[in-house]
C-alpha atoms as a PDB file:
ATOM      1  CA  MET A   1     137.847 107.741 119.868  1.00  0.00           C
ATOM      2  CA  ASP A   2     137.516 104.064 120.763  1.00  0.00           C
ATOM      3  CA  TRP A   3     134.023 102.636 121.146  1.00  0.00           C
ATOM      4  CA  GLN A   4     134.432 102.180 125.088  1.00  0.00           C
ATOM      5  CA  THR A   5     135.263 105.948 125.464  1.00  0.00           C
ATOM      6  CA  LEU A   6     132.469 106.894 123.094  1.00  0.00           C
ATOM      7  CA  ALA A   7     129.908 104.779 125.008  1.00  0.00           C
ATOM      8  CA  SER A   8     130.845 106.297 128.370  1.00  0.00           C
ATOM      9  CA  HIS A   9     130.198 109.723 126.896  1.00  0.00           C
ATOM     10  CA  LEU A  10     127.179 108.931 125.024  1.00  0.00           C
ATOM     11  CA  PHE A  11     125.392 106.823 127.699  1.00  0.00           C
ATOM     12  CA  PRO A  12     126.528 108.041 131.138  1.00  0.00           C
ATOM     13  CA  GLU A  13     123.364 106.405 132.657  1.00  0.00           C
ATOM     14  CA  GLY A  14     124.667 103.013 131.716  1.00  0.00           C
ATOM     15  CA  HIS A  15     124.966 100.450 128.879  1.00  0.00           C
ATOM     16  CA  ASP A  16     125.670  96.752 128.422  1.00  0.00           C
ATOM     17  CA  ILE A  17     127.353  97.013 124.911  1.00  0.00           C
ATOM     18  CA  THR A  18     129.696  94.341 124.044  1.00  0.00           C
ATOM     19  CA  GLU A  19     132.127  93.639 121.192  1.00  0.00           C
ATOM     20  CA  GLN A  20     132.466  90.339 119.324  1.00  0.00           C
ATOM     21  CA  ASP A  21     134.665  90.096 116.229  1.00  0.00           C
ATOM     22  CA  PHE A  22     134.361  93.880 115.637  1.00  0.00           C
ATOM     23  CA  PHE A  23     130.492  93.798 115.863  1.00  0.00           C
ATOM     24  CA  LEU A  24     128.898  95.943 118.641  1.00  0.00           C
ATOM     25  CA  SER A  25     125.577  95.213 120.248  1.00  0.00           C
ATOM     26  CA  GLY A  26     123.578  95.794 123.328  1.00  0.00           C
ATOM     27  CA  THR A  27     121.385  98.314 124.944  1.00  0.00           C
ATOM     28  CA  ALA A  28     121.836 101.559 126.626  1.00  0.00           C
ATOM     29  CA  ASN A  29     119.845 104.029 128.897  1.00  0.00           C
ATOM     30  CA  VAL A  30     119.005 107.398 127.472  1.00  0.00           C
ATOM     31  CA  SER A  31     116.908 109.506 129.901  1.00  0.00           C
ATOM     32  CA  THR A  32     113.974 107.376 130.687  1.00  0.00           C
ATOM     33  CA  GLN A  33     114.137 105.041 127.737  1.00  0.00           C
ATOM     34  CA  THR A  34     116.129 102.099 126.603  1.00  0.00           C
ATOM     35  CA  VAL A  35     117.784 102.088 123.095  1.00  0.00           C
ATOM     36  CA  THR A  36     119.183  99.240 121.085  1.00  0.00           C
ATOM     37  CA  ILE A  37     122.837  99.628 120.057  1.00  0.00           C
ATOM     38  CA  ILE A  38     124.343  98.047 116.938  1.00  0.00           C
ATOM     39  CA  GLY A  39     127.551  98.928 115.232  1.00  0.00           C
ATOM     40  CA  THR A  40     131.155  98.177 114.231  1.00  0.00           C
ATOM     41  CA  THR A  41     134.567  99.106 115.356  1.00  0.00           C
ATOM     42  CA  GLY A  42     138.278  98.656 114.446  1.00  0.00           C
ATOM     43  CA  HIS A  43     137.567  99.997 110.823  1.00  0.00           C
ATOM     44  CA  THR A  44     136.257  96.489 110.225  1.00  0.00           C
ATOM     45  CA  PRO A  45     134.952  95.793 106.667  1.00  0.00           C
ATOM     46  CA  ILE A  46     131.304  94.645 106.439  1.00  0.00           C
ATOM     47  CA  GLY A  47     131.281  91.021 105.423  1.00  0.00           C
ATOM     48  CA  ILE A  48     128.328  88.694 105.340  1.00  0.00           C
ATOM     49  CA  GLU A  49     128.713  87.817 109.075  1.00  0.00           C
ATOM     50  CA  ILE A  50     128.511  91.349 110.358  1.00  0.00           C
ATOM     51  CA  ALA A  51     125.673  92.248 107.998  1.00  0.00           C
ATOM     52  CA  LEU A  52     123.724  89.359 109.154  1.00  0.00           C
ATOM     53  CA  ALA A  53     124.486  90.076 112.787  1.00  0.00           C
ATOM     54  CA  GLN A  54     123.300  93.625 112.491  1.00  0.00           C
ATOM     55  CA  ALA A  55     120.200  92.652 110.522  1.00  0.00           C
ATOM     56  CA  LYS A  56     119.371  90.081 113.239  1.00  0.00           C
ATOM     57  CA  ALA A  57     119.798  92.669 116.012  1.00  0.00           C
ATOM     58  CA  VAL A  58     117.355  95.074 114.195  1.00  0.00           C
ATOM     59  CA  LEU A  59     114.879  92.350 113.600  1.00  0.00           C
ATOM     60  CA  ASP A  60     114.999  91.115 117.166  1.00  0.00           C
ATOM     61  CA  THR A  61     114.345  94.697 118.399  1.00  0.00           C
ATOM     62  CA  VAL A  62     111.389  95.060 115.963  1.00  0.00           C
ATOM     63  CA  ARG A  63     109.997  91.765 117.162  1.00  0.00           C
ATOM     64  CA  SER A  64     110.561  91.941 120.918  1.00  0.00           C
ATOM     65  CA  HIS A  65     110.695  95.737 121.657  1.00  0.00           C
ATOM     66  CA  PRO A  66     108.188  97.571 119.436  1.00  0.00           C
ATOM     67  CA  GLY A  67     108.999 101.194 119.095  1.00  0.00           C
ATOM     68  CA  ARG A  68     112.350 101.020 120.854  1.00  0.00           C
ATOM     69  CA  PRO A  69     114.914 103.491 119.314  1.00  0.00           C
ATOM     70  CA  ILE A  70     117.979 102.101 117.517  1.00  0.00           C
ATOM     71  CA  VAL A  71     121.350 103.762 117.493  1.00  0.00           C
ATOM     72  CA  ILE A  72     123.917 102.757 114.912  1.00  0.00           C
ATOM     73  CA  LEU A  73     127.583 103.359 115.722  1.00  0.00           C
ATOM     74  CA  VAL A  74     129.655 103.503 112.594  1.00  0.00           C
ATOM     75  CA  ASP A  75     133.346 102.755 112.148  1.00  0.00           C
ATOM     76  CA  THR A  76     133.927 100.773 108.945  1.00  0.00           C
ATOM     77  CA  GLN A  77     136.047 100.699 105.876  1.00  0.00           C
ATOM     78  CA  GLY A  78     133.158  99.631 103.737  1.00  0.00           C
ATOM     79  CA  GLN A  79     132.076  96.175 102.394  1.00  0.00           C
ATOM     80  CA  ARG A  80     134.576  93.351 102.604  1.00  0.00           C
ATOM     81  CA  LEU A  81     136.376  92.920  99.280  1.00  0.00           C
ATOM     82  CA  ARG A  82     137.009  89.183  99.316  1.00  0.00           C
ATOM     83  CA  HIS A  83     136.336  86.664  96.680  1.00  0.00           C
ATOM     84  CA  ARG A  84     134.360  84.535  99.157  1.00  0.00           C
ATOM     85  CA  ASP A  85     131.987  87.302 100.202  1.00  0.00           C
ATOM     86  CA  GLU A  86     131.459  88.338  96.525  1.00  0.00           C
ATOM     87  CA  MET A  87     130.585  84.759  95.518  1.00  0.00           C
ATOM     88  CA  LEU A  88     128.189  84.406  98.428  1.00  0.00           C
ATOM     89  CA  GLY A  89     126.475  87.543  97.326  1.00  0.00           C
ATOM     90  CA  ILE A  90     127.646  90.328  99.804  1.00  0.00           C
ATOM     91  CA  ASN A  91     125.469  92.857  97.938  1.00  0.00           C
ATOM     92  CA  SER A  92     122.406  90.712  98.853  1.00  0.00           C
ATOM     93  CA  TYR A  93     123.418  90.591 102.492  1.00  0.00           C
ATOM     94  CA  MET A  94     123.924  94.319 102.653  1.00  0.00           C
ATOM     95  CA  ALA A  95     120.673  94.943 100.878  1.00  0.00           C
ATOM     96  CA  HIS A  96     118.942  92.766 103.458  1.00  0.00           C
ATOM     97  CA  LEU A  97     120.542  94.760 106.271  1.00  0.00           C
ATOM     98  CA  GLY A  98     119.161  97.936 104.643  1.00  0.00           C
ATOM     99  CA  LYS A  99     115.766  96.458 104.272  1.00  0.00           C
ATOM    100  CA  CYS A 100     115.701  95.508 108.024  1.00  0.00           C
ATOM    101  CA  ILE A 101     116.579  99.077 108.938  1.00  0.00           C
ATOM    102  CA  GLU A 102     113.805 100.383 106.772  1.00  0.00           C
ATOM    103  CA  LEU A 103     111.413  97.866 108.207  1.00  0.00           C
ATOM    104  CA  ALA A 104     112.262  99.150 111.703  1.00  0.00           C
ATOM    105  CA  ARG A 105     111.656 102.727 110.548  1.00  0.00           C
ATOM    106  CA  ARG A 106     108.187 101.815 109.066  1.00  0.00           C
ATOM    107  CA  ARG A 107     107.332 100.067 112.281  1.00  0.00           C
ATOM    108  CA  GLY A 108     107.868 103.304 114.218  1.00  0.00           C
ATOM    109  CA  HIS A 109     111.510 102.777 115.524  1.00  0.00           C
ATOM    110  CA  LYS A 110     113.483 106.007 115.588  1.00  0.00           C
ATOM    111  CA  VAL A 111     116.920 105.209 114.013  1.00  0.00           C
ATOM    112  CA  ILE A 112     119.936 107.474 114.755  1.00  0.00           C
ATOM    113  CA  GLY A 113     123.341 106.927 113.040  1.00  0.00           C
ATOM    114  CA  LEU A 114     126.632 108.247 114.525  1.00  0.00           C
ATOM    115  CA  VAL A 115     129.898 108.009 112.602  1.00  0.00           C
ATOM    116  CA  TYR A 116     132.528 108.141 115.456  1.00  0.00           C
ATOM    117  CA  ASP A 117     135.580 107.220 113.459  1.00  0.00           C
ATOM    118  CA  GLN A 118     135.427 105.994 109.778  1.00  0.00           C
ATOM    119  CA  ALA A 119     132.567 105.484 107.364  1.00  0.00           C
ATOM    120  CA  LEU A 120     133.344 104.384 103.851  1.00  0.00           C
ATOM    121  CA  SER A 121     131.516 103.035 100.804  1.00  0.00           C
ATOM    122  CA  GLY A 122     128.735 100.503 101.082  1.00  0.00           C
ATOM    123  CA  GLY A 123     129.294 100.018 104.833  1.00  0.00           C
ATOM    124  CA  PHE A 124     128.112 103.534 105.384  1.00  0.00           C
ATOM    125  CA  ILE A 125     125.361 103.415 102.812  1.00  0.00           C
ATOM    126  CA  THR A 126     123.634 100.447 104.402  1.00  0.00           C
ATOM    127  CA  SER A 127     123.968 101.794 108.044  1.00  0.00           C
ATOM    128  CA  GLY A 128     124.279 105.418 108.989  1.00  0.00           C
ATOM    129  CA  LEU A 129     122.826 106.764 105.724  1.00  0.00           C
ATOM    130  CA  LEU A 130     119.662 104.718 106.128  1.00  0.00           C
ATOM    131  CA  ALA A 131     119.057 106.179 109.639  1.00  0.00           C
ATOM    132  CA  ASP A 132     116.335 108.817 110.197  1.00  0.00           C
ATOM    133  CA  ALA A 133     119.343 111.201 110.863  1.00  0.00           C
ATOM    134  CA  CYS A 134     123.055 110.569 110.750  1.00  0.00           C
ATOM    135  CA  TYR A 135     125.549 112.583 112.875  1.00  0.00           C
ATOM    136  CA  ALA A 136     129.321 112.565 113.111  1.00  0.00           C
ATOM    137  CA  LEU A 137     132.164 113.450 115.378  1.00  0.00           C
ATOM    138  CA  PRO A 138     134.420 116.184 114.106  1.00  0.00           C
ATOM    139  CA  ASP A 139     137.445 113.988 113.227  1.00  0.00           C
ATOM    140  CA  ALA A 140     135.375 111.256 111.432  1.00  0.00           C
ATOM    141  CA  THR A 141     136.541 110.137 108.134  1.00  0.00           C
ATOM    142  CA  ILE A 142     133.637 109.950 105.789  1.00  0.00           C
ATOM    143  CA  ARG A 143     133.709 109.118 102.030  1.00  0.00           C
ATOM    144  CA  VAL A 144     131.786 106.821  99.697  1.00  0.00           C
ATOM    145  CA  MET A 145     134.494 106.630  97.026  1.00  0.00           C
ATOM    146  CA  GLY A 146     138.114 107.847  97.214  1.00  0.00           C
ATOM    147  CA  LEU A 147     139.459 110.129  94.452  1.00  0.00           C
ATOM    148  CA  PRO A 148     141.825 107.468  93.027  1.00  0.00           C
ATOM    149  CA  ALA A 149     138.880 105.103  92.616  1.00  0.00           C
ATOM    150  CA  MET A 150     136.571 107.852  91.430  1.00  0.00           C
ATOM    151  CA  ALA A 151     139.239 108.701  88.763  1.00  0.00           C
ATOM    152  CA  ARG A 152     139.259 105.042  87.449  1.00  0.00           C
ATOM    153  CA  ILE A 153     135.497 104.839  87.379  1.00  0.00           C
ATOM    154  CA  THR A 154     134.763 108.201  85.747  1.00  0.00           C
ATOM    155  CA  LYS A 155     137.910 108.304  83.533  1.00  0.00           C
ATOM    156  CA  VAL A 156     138.495 111.857  84.903  1.00  0.00           C
ATOM    157  CA  PRO A 157     142.101 112.534  85.820  1.00  0.00           C
ATOM    158  CA  GLU A 158     142.706 112.357  89.547  1.00  0.00           C
ATOM    159  CA  GLU A 159     144.465 115.702  89.407  1.00  0.00           C
ATOM    160  CA  ARG A 160     141.316 117.295  88.082  1.00  0.00           C
ATOM    161  CA  LEU A 161     139.172 115.662  90.696  1.00  0.00           C
ATOM    162  CA  THR A 162     141.532 116.926  93.301  1.00  0.00           C
ATOM    163  CA  GLU A 163     141.079 120.492  91.970  1.00  0.00           C
ATOM    164  CA  LEU A 164     137.309 120.111  91.951  1.00  0.00           C
ATOM    165  CA  ALA A 165     137.305 118.789  95.569  1.00  0.00           C
ATOM    166  CA  LYS A 166     138.792 122.148  96.768  1.00  0.00           C
ATOM    167  CA  ASP A 167     135.526 123.967  95.951  1.00  0.00           C
ATOM    168  CA  ASN A 168     132.860 121.237  95.650  1.00  0.00           C
ATOM    169  CA  PRO A 169     132.024 119.015  98.660  1.00  0.00           C
ATOM    170  CA  VAL A 170     130.690 116.365  96.341  1.00  0.00           C
ATOM    171  CA  PHE A 171     134.140 115.313  95.410  1.00  0.00           C
ATOM    172  CA  ALA A 172     135.747 115.832  98.962  1.00  0.00           C
ATOM    173  CA  PRO A 173     135.749 113.447 101.893  1.00  0.00           C
ATOM    174  CA  GLY A 174     135.353 114.556 105.575  1.00  0.00           C
ATOM    175  CA  ALA A 175     132.458 115.173 108.019  1.00  0.00           C
ATOM    176  CA  HIS A 176     132.261 118.876 107.258  1.00  0.00           C
ATOM    177  CA  ASN A 177     131.664 118.194 103.518  1.00  0.00           C
ATOM    178  CA  TYR A 178     129.068 115.617 104.275  1.00  0.00           C
ATOM    179  CA  LEU A 179     127.340 118.158 106.554  1.00  0.00           C
ATOM    180  CA  VAL A 180     127.289 120.811 103.785  1.00  0.00           C
ATOM    181  CA  MET A 181     125.852 118.323 101.367  1.00  0.00           C
ATOM    182  CA  GLY A 182     123.093 117.445 103.810  1.00  0.00           C
ATOM    183  CA  GLY A 183     124.221 113.772 104.358  1.00  0.00           C
ATOM    184  CA  LEU A 184     124.801 114.599 108.103  1.00  0.00           C
ATOM    185  CA  GLU A 185     122.217 116.302 110.261  1.00  0.00           C
ATOM    186  CA  ALA A 186     124.954 117.863 112.476  1.00  0.00           C
ATOM    187  CA  ILE A 187     128.463 117.353 113.798  1.00  0.00           C
ATOM    188  CA  TRP A 188     128.657 116.560 117.522  1.00  0.00           C
ATOM    189  CA  ASP A 189     131.556 118.125 119.191  1.00  0.00           C
ATOM    190  CA  LYS A 190     130.741 118.266 122.923  1.00  0.00           C
ATOM    191  CA  ASP A 191     128.083 116.962 125.315  1.00  0.00           C
ATOM    192  CA  LEU A 192     127.464 113.691 123.346  1.00  0.00           C
ATOM    193  CA  ALA A 193     124.850 112.484 125.652  1.00  0.00           C
ATOM    194  CA  GLY A 194     122.943 115.751 125.433  1.00  0.00           C
ATOM    195  CA  ASN A 195     123.034 115.747 121.703  1.00  0.00           C
ATOM    196  CA  LEU A 196     121.813 112.192 121.586  1.00  0.00           C
ATOM    197  CA  ARG A 197     118.888 112.912 123.731  1.00  0.00           C
ATOM    198  CA  ARG A 198     117.968 115.942 121.648  1.00  0.00           C
ATOM    199  CA  ALA A 199     118.250 113.911 118.441  1.00  0.00           C
ATOM    200  CA  LEU A 200     115.913 111.307 119.834  1.00  0.00           C
ATOM    201  CA  ASP A 201     113.378 113.875 120.902  1.00  0.00           C
ATOM    202  CA  THR A 202     113.351 115.725 117.642  1.00  0.00           C
ATOM    203  CA  VAL A 203     114.084 113.207 114.873  1.00  0.00           C
ATOM    204  CA  THR A 204     111.362 112.496 112.197  1.00  0.00           C
ATOM    205  CA  GLN A 205     111.191 110.103 109.178  1.00  0.00           C
ATOM    206  CA  ALA A 206     111.218 112.980 106.648  1.00  0.00           C
ATOM    207  CA  ASP A 207     114.210 112.895 104.349  1.00  0.00           C
ATOM    208  CA  ARG A 208     115.637 116.383 104.625  1.00  0.00           C
ATOM    209  CA  ARG A 209     119.061 115.638 102.977  1.00  0.00           C
ATOM    210  CA  SER A 210     118.388 117.392  99.655  1.00  0.00           C
ATOM    211  CA  GLU A 211     116.683 120.250 101.376  1.00  0.00           C
ATOM    212  CA  LEU A 212     119.607 120.693 103.801  1.00  0.00           C
ATOM    213  CA  GLY A 213     122.131 120.325 101.061  1.00  0.00           C
ATOM    214  CA  ALA A 214     120.490 123.049  99.160  1.00  0.00           C
ATOM    215  CA  ALA A 215     120.231 125.440 102.141  1.00  0.00           C
ATOM    216  CA  ARG A 216     123.885 124.799 103.088  1.00  0.00           C
ATOM    217  CA  GLY A 217     125.095 125.269  99.496  1.00  0.00           C
ATOM    218  CA  GLY A 218     126.577 121.786  99.140  1.00  0.00           C
ATOM    219  CA  ARG A 219     124.049 120.242  96.686  1.00  0.00           C
ATOM    220  CA  LYS A 220     122.618 122.947  94.518  1.00  0.00           C
ATOM    221  CA  TRP A 221     120.589 120.806  92.068  1.00  0.00           C
ATOM    222  CA  SER A 222     119.222 117.802  94.073  1.00  0.00           C
ATOM    223  CA  GLN A 223     116.265 119.591  95.658  1.00  0.00           C
ATOM    224  CA  ARG A 224     115.464 121.370  92.446  1.00  0.00           C
ATOM    225  CA  VAL A 225     115.320 118.098  90.644  1.00  0.00           C
ATOM    226  CA  VAL A 226     113.073 116.657  93.338  1.00  0.00           C
ATOM    227  CA  GLN A 227     110.740 119.594  93.160  1.00  0.00           C
ATOM    228  CA  ALA A 228     110.559 119.395  89.359  1.00  0.00           C
ATOM    229  CA  VAL A 229     109.748 115.717  89.405  1.00  0.00           C
ATOM    230  CA  LEU A 230     107.048 116.270  92.065  1.00  0.00           C
ATOM    231  CA  ALA A 231     105.581 119.052  90.118  1.00  0.00           C
ATOM    232  CA  ASP A 232     105.562 117.074  86.883  1.00  0.00           C
ATOM    233  CA  GLY A 233     103.914 114.183  88.689  1.00  0.00           C
ATOM    234  CA  HIS A 234     101.081 116.392  90.196  1.00  0.00           C
ATOM    235  CA  ALA A 235     100.620 117.953  86.731  1.00  0.00           C
ATOM    236  CA  ARG A 236     100.282 114.578  85.104  1.00  0.00           C
ATOM    237  CA  ALA A 237      97.861 113.304  87.874  1.00  0.00           C
ATOM    238  CA  ALA A 238      95.699 116.487  87.355  1.00  0.00           C
END
């Protein structure tokens, strides 16, 4: 789904979103409130320019519109893999974007992420995954690392990873697998405007991903480890 069609379904009450060099920005009306929109389109990689543009939009909202919700529309192939960006420190720019989103959350801004097309690698980690809650459309492509790259890094044969991916969502891409792991709050199939309204009404800053992953059977140990660490910390404090 292209971003114009998405916006018409998400914001039937009106919006002024514009695109410049694959960067989306603007505002939209959701029920009785105005929300800030930032995002990307065209599967664009996140280079230093877009990372700074998104960070600036978040900080402008925090500075000029206290408490205004922020909606992040995600369509990216990940961080831009160019020598120029690496030499300029793309990791620092993306970390800056993540810190700006976290600042907004701490200042009371609700942050909703929506993967409407593609979400890969660091471009997803520093956007949708940093939101209070992240959602996706059914056909969205989501993965942090492809199996060929995972095989190179882990030295596990790609054939073995492919077999593991059949039964273990940790190794498999796709919106459904990220839902099972708890990375997504839900998948929005119909009534996008209604789903967004409900998300804004019910979202909290509590990180429920490990809890959801355990309940859905996609991440069986994460929540157990969290609870064990917390219990050990309380025991030491006592």
